[in-house]
Amino acid sequence: MEAGREPLMRGGIHHIDLTVKDARASRAFYESVLGFMGYRLSAGNPFGEDETGFDFDLRDGDQFCSIGILSARGEHADRVHDRYSPGLHHIAWTASDRADVDAMYAHLLSIGATILDAPADYPRYGAGYYAVFFADPDGLKLEYVHKP
């Protein structure tokens, strides 16, 4: 490891793929929300965009995370998302501070996103836990959180 560099967090997420009904229909939402956090549509990456969907990358030096947005296919492609059935319940991204959570909330309002819970303190999740909860166009629950 280079002197002065923090080690990568072992077990951190390298990439995740989310299945939505129609990736093209959800592209503007994810491009806006993920773009707010610094993700960019993968450039020069064969997985950046193809017939199945899109990949958005976040890079900081050697740190990397990618989020794929894929179109549903197969016999259950029209199924409505239910976060209480087996599968994904929600994803939470780390905000830099409380003001960043508030800025995301304002951004979400500006794009007409569905807000599930406005920014608030959630002490049951730990001291200083402050988050906004929202949904993507298909009802996938998303969260932006600051926890000191």
C-alpha atoms as a PDB file:
ATOM      1  CA  MET A   1       0.000   0.000   0.000  1.00  0.00           C
ATOM      2  CA  GLU A   2       1.204   3.520  -0.812  1.00  0.00           C
ATOM      3  CA  ALA A   3       2.262   5.690   2.098  1.00  0.00           C
ATOM      4  CA  GLY A   4      -0.582   7.968   3.156  1.00  0.00           C
ATOM      5  CA  ARG A   5      -3.269   5.914   1.365  1.00  0.00           C
ATOM      6  CA  GLU A   6      -6.120   4.433   3.314  1.00  0.00           C
ATOM      7  CA  PRO A   7      -6.656   0.738   2.652  1.00  0.00           C
ATOM      8  CA  LEU A   8      -9.775  -0.339   0.815  1.00  0.00           C
ATOM      9  CA  MET A   9     -12.492  -1.446   3.183  1.00  0.00           C
ATOM     10  CA  ARG A  10     -12.551  -5.244   3.054  1.00  0.00           C
ATOM     11  CA  GLY A  11     -16.041  -6.385   2.162  1.00  0.00           C
ATOM     12  CA  GLY A  12     -17.075  -3.052   0.626  1.00  0.00           C
ATOM     13  CA  ILE A  13     -19.401  -3.182  -2.375  1.00  0.00           C
ATOM     14  CA  HIS A  14     -17.580  -3.332  -5.718  1.00  0.00           C
ATOM     15  CA  HIS A  15     -20.734  -3.322  -7.827  1.00  0.00           C
ATOM     16  CA  ILE A  16     -24.420  -4.008  -7.648  1.00  0.00           C
ATOM     17  CA  ASP A  17     -26.966  -4.516 -10.389  1.00  0.00           C
ATOM     18  CA  LEU A  18     -30.557  -3.389  -9.959  1.00  0.00           C
ATOM     19  CA  THR A  19     -33.295  -4.806 -12.159  1.00  0.00           C
ATOM     20  CA  VAL A  20     -36.003  -2.350 -13.161  1.00  0.00           C
ATOM     21  CA  LYS A  21     -38.937  -2.815 -15.526  1.00  0.00           C
ATOM     22  CA  ASP A  22     -37.328  -0.709 -18.264  1.00  0.00           C
ATOM     23  CA  ALA A  23     -33.757   0.561 -17.899  1.00  0.00           C
ATOM     24  CA  ARG A  24     -34.219   3.169 -20.620  1.00  0.00           C
ATOM     25  CA  ALA A  25     -37.305   4.555 -18.879  1.00  0.00           C
ATOM     26  CA  SER A  26     -35.401   4.699 -15.561  1.00  0.00           C
ATOM     27  CA  ARG A  27     -32.195   6.131 -17.016  1.00  0.00           C
ATOM     28  CA  ALA A  28     -33.004   9.820 -16.408  1.00  0.00           C
ATOM     29  CA  PHE A  29     -33.880   9.139 -12.758  1.00  0.00           C
ATOM     30  CA  TYR A  30     -30.703   7.175 -12.042  1.00  0.00           C
ATOM     31  CA  GLU A  31     -28.499   9.491 -14.071  1.00  0.00           C
ATOM     32  CA  SER A  32     -29.790  12.396 -11.974  1.00  0.00           C
ATOM     33  CA  VAL A  33     -29.695  10.719  -8.542  1.00  0.00           C
ATOM     34  CA  LEU A  34     -26.418   8.863  -9.030  1.00  0.00           C
ATOM     35  CA  GLY A  35     -24.952  11.905 -10.795  1.00  0.00           C
ATOM     36  CA  PHE A  36     -25.714  13.958  -7.682  1.00  0.00           C
ATOM     37  CA  MET A  37     -23.455  11.560  -5.757  1.00  0.00           C
ATOM     38  CA  GLY A  38     -20.685  11.684  -8.367  1.00  0.00           C
ATOM     39  CA  TYR A  39     -21.446   8.535 -10.385  1.00  0.00           C
ATOM     40  CA  ARG A  40     -20.992   8.827 -14.124  1.00  0.00           C
ATOM     41  CA  LEU A  41     -22.212   6.674 -16.978  1.00  0.00           C
ATOM     42  CA  SER A  42     -19.345   4.258 -17.637  1.00  0.00           C
ATOM     43  CA  ALA A  43     -17.215   5.667 -20.418  1.00  0.00           C
ATOM     44  CA  GLY A  44     -14.989   3.440 -22.494  1.00  0.00           C
ATOM     45  CA  ASN A  45     -16.393   0.467 -20.607  1.00  0.00           C
ATOM     46  CA  PRO A  46     -18.047  -2.270 -22.676  1.00  0.00           C
ATOM     47  CA  PHE A  47     -20.629  -2.584 -19.875  1.00  0.00           C
ATOM     48  CA  GLY A  48     -21.417   1.174 -19.771  1.00  0.00           C
ATOM     49  CA  GLU A  49     -24.451   0.857 -22.021  1.00  0.00           C
ATOM     50  CA  ASP A  50     -25.899  -1.969 -24.028  1.00  0.00           C
ATOM     51  CA  GLU A  51     -29.254  -3.532 -24.842  1.00  0.00           C
ATOM     52  CA  THR A  52     -29.674  -4.793 -21.250  1.00  0.00           C
ATOM     53  CA  GLY A  53     -29.113  -1.454 -19.489  1.00  0.00           C
ATOM     54  CA  PHE A  54     -26.517   0.941 -18.099  1.00  0.00           C
ATOM     55  CA  ASP A  55     -23.604   1.011 -15.649  1.00  0.00           C
ATOM     56  CA  PHE A  56     -22.719   4.038 -13.544  1.00  0.00           C
ATOM     57  CA  ASP A  57     -19.274   4.215 -11.936  1.00  0.00           C
ATOM     58  CA  LEU A  58     -17.937   6.103  -8.949  1.00  0.00           C
ATOM     59  CA  ARG A  59     -14.148   6.400  -8.773  1.00  0.00           C
ATOM     60  CA  ASP A  60     -11.840   7.989  -6.228  1.00  0.00           C
ATOM     61  CA  GLY A  61      -8.237   7.012  -6.823  1.00  0.00           C
ATOM     62  CA  ASP A  62      -8.120   3.245  -6.361  1.00  0.00           C
ATOM     63  CA  GLN A  63     -11.631   3.175  -4.857  1.00  0.00           C
ATOM     64  CA  PHE A  64     -14.367   2.031  -7.225  1.00  0.00           C
ATOM     65  CA  CYS A  65     -18.066   1.202  -7.119  1.00  0.00           C
ATOM     66  CA  SER A  66     -20.400   0.489 -10.015  1.00  0.00           C
ATOM     67  CA  ILE A  67     -24.182   0.373 -10.120  1.00  0.00           C
ATOM     68  CA  GLY A  68     -25.856  -1.352 -13.022  1.00  0.00           C
ATOM     69  CA  ILE A  69     -29.441  -0.594 -14.018  1.00  0.00           C
ATOM     70  CA  LEU A  70     -30.791  -3.545 -15.991  1.00  0.00           C
ATOM     71  CA  SER A  71     -34.092  -4.119 -17.762  1.00  0.00           C
ATOM     72  CA  ALA A  72     -36.239  -6.947 -16.417  1.00  0.00           C
ATOM     73  CA  ARG A  73     -36.722  -9.926 -18.681  1.00  0.00           C
ATOM     74  CA  GLY A  74     -38.176 -13.403 -18.466  1.00  0.00           C
ATOM     75  CA  GLU A  75     -41.525 -14.657 -17.308  1.00  0.00           C
ATOM     76  CA  HIS A  76     -41.673 -12.421 -14.205  1.00  0.00           C
ATOM     77  CA  ALA A  77     -40.545  -9.192 -15.880  1.00  0.00           C
ATOM     78  CA  ASP A  78     -43.884  -7.495 -15.170  1.00  0.00           C
ATOM     79  CA  ARG A  79     -43.920  -8.392 -11.465  1.00  0.00           C
ATOM     80  CA  VAL A  80     -44.319  -5.398  -9.134  1.00  0.00           C
ATOM     81  CA  HIS A  81     -41.388  -4.926  -6.740  1.00  0.00           C
ATOM     82  CA  ASP A  82     -42.160  -5.947  -3.150  1.00  0.00           C
ATOM     83  CA  ARG A  83     -39.334  -5.153  -0.745  1.00  0.00           C
ATOM     84  CA  TYR A  84     -40.835  -7.505   1.834  1.00  0.00           C
ATOM     85  CA  SER A  85     -40.555 -10.531  -0.478  1.00  0.00           C
ATOM     86  CA  PRO A  86     -37.228 -12.341  -0.916  1.00  0.00           C
ATOM     87  CA  GLY A  87     -34.787 -10.059  -2.659  1.00  0.00           C
ATOM     88  CA  LEU A  88     -33.599  -6.509  -2.224  1.00  0.00           C
ATOM     89  CA  HIS A  89     -35.235  -4.431   0.523  1.00  0.00           C
ATOM     90  CA  HIS A  90     -33.318  -1.170  -0.065  1.00  0.00           C
ATOM     91  CA  ILE A  91     -29.930   0.395  -0.738  1.00  0.00           C
ATOM     92  CA  ALA A  92     -28.391   3.183   1.344  1.00  0.00           C
ATOM     93  CA  TRP A  93     -25.609   5.477   0.156  1.00  0.00           C
ATOM     94  CA  THR A  94     -23.355   7.476   2.472  1.00  0.00           C
ATOM     95  CA  ALA A  95     -23.755  11.249   2.527  1.00  0.00           C
ATOM     96  CA  SER A  96     -20.852  13.491   3.534  1.00  0.00           C
ATOM     97  CA  ASP A  97     -22.873  15.329   6.201  1.00  0.00           C
ATOM     98  CA  ARG A  98     -26.411  16.347   7.167  1.00  0.00           C
ATOM     99  CA  ALA A  99     -26.378  19.241   4.690  1.00  0.00           C
ATOM    100  CA  ASP A 100     -25.603  16.723   1.924  1.00  0.00           C
ATOM    101  CA  VAL A 101     -28.732  14.738   2.901  1.00  0.00           C
ATOM    102  CA  ASP A 102     -30.766  17.957   2.770  1.00  0.00           C
ATOM    103  CA  ALA A 103     -29.251  18.823  -0.625  1.00  0.00           C
ATOM    104  CA  MET A 104     -30.191  15.380  -1.952  1.00  0.00           C
ATOM    105  CA  TYR A 105     -33.734  15.906  -0.645  1.00  0.00           C
ATOM    106  CA  ALA A 106     -33.970  19.234  -2.498  1.00  0.00           C
ATOM    107  CA  HIS A 107     -32.597  17.537  -5.619  1.00  0.00           C
ATOM    108  CA  LEU A 108     -35.152  14.727  -5.343  1.00  0.00           C
ATOM    109  CA  LEU A 109     -37.969  17.247  -5.030  1.00  0.00           C
ATOM    110  CA  SER A 110     -36.680  19.114  -8.086  1.00  0.00           C
ATOM    111  CA  ILE A 111     -36.875  15.972 -10.240  1.00  0.00           C
ATOM    112  CA  GLY A 112     -40.275  14.899  -8.874  1.00  0.00           C
ATOM    113  CA  ALA A 113     -38.981  11.771  -7.137  1.00  0.00           C
ATOM    114  CA  THR A 114     -41.209   9.844  -4.756  1.00  0.00           C
ATOM    115  CA  ILE A 115     -40.198  10.723  -1.187  1.00  0.00           C
ATOM    116  CA  LEU A 116     -40.928   7.943   1.292  1.00  0.00           C
ATOM    117  CA  ASP A 117     -39.589   9.782   4.363  1.00  0.00           C
ATOM    118  CA  ALA A 118     -38.226  13.349   4.367  1.00  0.00           C
ATOM    119  CA  PRO A 119     -34.868  13.989   6.050  1.00  0.00           C
ATOM    120  CA  ALA A 120     -35.026  13.226   9.762  1.00  0.00           C
ATOM    121  CA  ASP A 121     -33.061  11.831  12.661  1.00  0.00           C
ATOM    122  CA  TYR A 122     -33.415   8.084  13.168  1.00  0.00           C
ATOM    123  CA  PRO A 123     -31.859   7.424  16.596  1.00  0.00           C
ATOM    124  CA  ARG A 124     -33.015   3.784  16.525  1.00  0.00           C
ATOM    125  CA  TYR A 125     -30.368   3.245  13.804  1.00  0.00           C
ATOM    126  CA  GLY A 126     -27.585   4.867  15.849  1.00  0.00           C
ATOM    127  CA  ALA A 127     -26.506   8.190  17.277  1.00  0.00           C
ATOM    128  CA  GLY A 128     -26.605  10.969  14.693  1.00  0.00           C
ATOM    129  CA  TYR A 129     -28.283   8.832  11.986  1.00  0.00           C
ATOM    130  CA  TYR A 130     -29.898  11.310   9.566  1.00  0.00           C
ATOM    131  CA  ALA A 131     -31.439  10.154   6.306  1.00  0.00           C
ATOM    132  CA  VAL A 132     -33.900  10.676   3.485  1.00  0.00           C
ATOM    133  CA  PHE A 133     -35.771   7.686   2.034  1.00  0.00           C
ATOM    134  CA  PHE A 134     -37.111   7.712  -1.522  1.00  0.00           C
ATOM    135  CA  ALA A 135     -38.175   5.377  -4.333  1.00  0.00           C
ATOM    136  CA  ASP A 136     -37.128   4.870  -7.911  1.00  0.00           C
ATOM    137  CA  PRO A 137     -39.774   4.814 -10.683  1.00  0.00           C
ATOM    138  CA  ASP A 138     -40.430   1.094 -10.031  1.00  0.00           C
ATOM    139  CA  GLY A 139     -40.777   1.477  -6.260  1.00  0.00           C
ATOM    140  CA  LEU A 140     -37.291   0.291  -5.247  1.00  0.00           C
ATOM    141  CA  LYS A 141     -36.562   1.860  -1.845  1.00  0.00           C
ATOM    142  CA  LEU A 142     -33.418   4.011  -1.755  1.00  0.00           C
ATOM    143  CA  GLU A 143     -31.763   5.923   1.075  1.00  0.00           C
ATOM    144  CA  TYR A 144     -29.166   8.674   1.456  1.00  0.00           C
ATOM    145  CA  VAL A 145     -27.729   8.728   4.974  1.00  0.00           C
ATOM    146  CA  HIS A 146     -25.212  10.525   7.131  1.00  0.00           C
ATOM    147  CA  LYS A 147     -24.032   8.754  10.278  1.00  0.00           C
ATOM    148  CA  PRO A 148     -21.099  10.395  12.040  1.00  0.00           C
END
